[in-house]
């Protein structure tokens, strides 16, 4: 059974940075893509970034140039480096791997 454990959220000021981590259990980590999603209050969950098994990446337009997704297959962990944070980035961030979801980690950006 795949389990995801997210960490790294918190409160940060406008323009600040945070790095989220998603640790994935299971031996099949290397052959699938992993995504970061977010959900703000009253809004639908949206894709933020995704990284493929070949390390290819894709980003939402709203975060391009500010966020970077990466993976460490040896540690079975995916990271989301978030720079130049804005209040509109405030949301619960979720990691997704195949059909599994993490518990979410809150990111709050103050203006």
Protein backbone atom coordinates (compact mmCIF):
# COMPACT_ATOMS: atom_id res chain seq x y z
CA UNK A 1 0.00 0.00 0.00
CA UNK A 2 1.38 3.38 -1.02
CA UNK A 3 1.55 6.09 1.63
CA UNK A 4 2.56 9.70 1.22
CA UNK A 5 3.86 11.95 3.99
CA UNK A 6 4.12 15.67 3.30
CA UNK A 7 6.05 18.23 5.30
CA UNK A 8 7.46 21.72 5.04
CA UNK A 9 4.41 23.95 5.07
CA UNK A 10 4.04 26.97 7.29
CA UNK A 11 3.54 30.70 7.52
CA UNK A 12 5.77 32.94 5.43
CA UNK A 13 5.76 36.59 4.42
CA UNK A 14 5.17 37.88 0.92
CA UNK A 15 8.25 37.22 -1.18
CA UNK A 16 9.50 34.46 1.07
CA UNK A 17 10.35 30.84 0.34
CA UNK A 18 9.34 27.39 1.52
CA UNK A 19 10.31 23.87 0.49
CA UNK A 20 7.74 21.12 0.66
CA UNK A 21 8.69 17.46 0.83
CA UNK A 22 6.66 14.37 -0.04
CA UNK A 23 8.03 11.01 1.09
CA UNK A 24 6.53 8.04 -0.77
CA UNK A 25 6.49 4.49 0.54
CA UNK A 26 6.55 1.54 -1.84
CA UNK A 27 9.01 0.07 -4.28
CA UNK A 28 7.47 1.43 -7.48
CA UNK A 29 8.33 5.07 -6.87
CA UNK A 30 10.80 5.39 -9.72
CA UNK A 31 8.46 4.41 -12.54
CA UNK A 32 5.63 6.89 -11.97
CA UNK A 33 5.17 10.62 -12.01
CA UNK A 34 4.41 12.60 -8.86
CA UNK A 35 2.39 15.76 -8.62
CA UNK A 36 1.82 18.62 -6.22
CA UNK A 37 -1.69 20.06 -6.06
CA UNK A 38 -3.20 22.80 -3.95
CA UNK A 39 -6.63 23.76 -2.76
CA UNK A 40 -7.53 27.19 -1.45
CA UNK A 41 -10.69 27.80 0.60
CA UNK A 42 -13.74 27.80 -1.63
CA UNK A 43 -11.77 26.73 -4.68
CA UNK A 44 -11.21 23.50 -6.54
CA UNK A 45 -8.02 21.51 -6.16
CA UNK A 46 -5.57 22.44 -8.90
CA UNK A 47 -2.35 21.02 -10.27
CA UNK A 48 0.69 23.04 -9.28
CA UNK A 49 3.53 20.96 -10.69
CA UNK A 50 4.30 17.42 -11.82
CA UNK A 51 7.51 15.52 -12.39
CA UNK A 52 7.76 12.43 -14.53
CA UNK A 53 9.79 9.27 -14.07
CA UNK A 54 12.15 10.75 -16.68
CA UNK A 55 12.47 13.95 -14.62
CA UNK A 56 10.40 15.94 -17.11
CA UNK A 57 8.42 18.70 -15.42
CA UNK A 58 5.23 20.67 -15.94
CA UNK A 59 3.95 23.70 -14.05
CA UNK A 60 0.79 25.71 -13.71
CA UNK A 61 1.18 29.08 -15.40
CA UNK A 62 0.66 30.84 -12.08
CA UNK A 63 3.83 29.33 -10.57
CA UNK A 64 6.18 29.14 -13.55
CA UNK A 65 9.51 30.75 -12.78
CA UNK A 66 8.83 30.73 -9.02
CA UNK A 67 8.34 27.07 -8.11
CA UNK A 68 10.64 24.14 -8.86
CA UNK A 69 9.71 20.48 -8.52
CA UNK A 70 12.41 17.84 -8.12
CA UNK A 71 12.72 14.22 -7.08
CA UNK A 72 15.29 12.07 -5.30
CA UNK A 73 14.65 8.47 -6.27
CA UNK A 74 17.11 7.13 -3.70
CA UNK A 75 15.10 8.80 -0.94
CA UNK A 76 11.72 8.23 -2.66
CA UNK A 77 10.99 11.88 -2.06
CA UNK A 78 9.65 14.70 -4.19
CA UNK A 79 10.30 18.35 -3.35
CA UNK A 80 8.56 21.58 -4.24
CA UNK A 81 10.77 24.62 -3.83
CA UNK A 82 8.56 27.69 -3.68
CA UNK A 83 10.14 31.12 -4.07
CA UNK A 84 8.72 34.63 -4.36
CA UNK A 85 5.58 33.51 -2.59
CA UNK A 86 2.42 35.56 -2.89
CA UNK A 87 -0.75 35.66 -0.78
CA UNK A 88 -2.59 33.92 -3.60
CA UNK A 89 -0.33 30.89 -3.08
CA UNK A 90 -2.05 30.34 0.27
CA UNK A 91 -3.62 26.88 0.21
CA UNK A 92 -3.36 23.34 1.44
CA UNK A 93 -0.79 21.58 -0.70
CA UNK A 94 -1.21 17.89 -1.50
CA UNK A 95 1.14 15.34 -2.96
CA UNK A 96 -0.26 12.83 -5.45
CA UNK A 97 1.24 9.52 -6.54
CA UNK A 98 -0.85 7.26 -8.77
CA UNK A 99 -4.18 7.11 -6.88
CA UNK A 100 -2.77 8.02 -3.48
CA UNK A 101 -2.91 11.43 -1.81
CA UNK A 102 -1.05 12.84 1.13
CA UNK A 103 -2.75 14.42 4.12
CA UNK A 104 -1.91 17.92 2.94
CA UNK A 105 0.28 20.64 4.36
CA UNK A 106 -0.88 24.21 4.94
CA UNK A 107 0.98 27.06 3.27
CA UNK A 108 0.02 30.57 4.33
CA UNK A 109 1.56 33.67 2.79
CA UNK A 110 0.97 36.94 4.58
CA UNK A 111 0.92 40.25 2.73
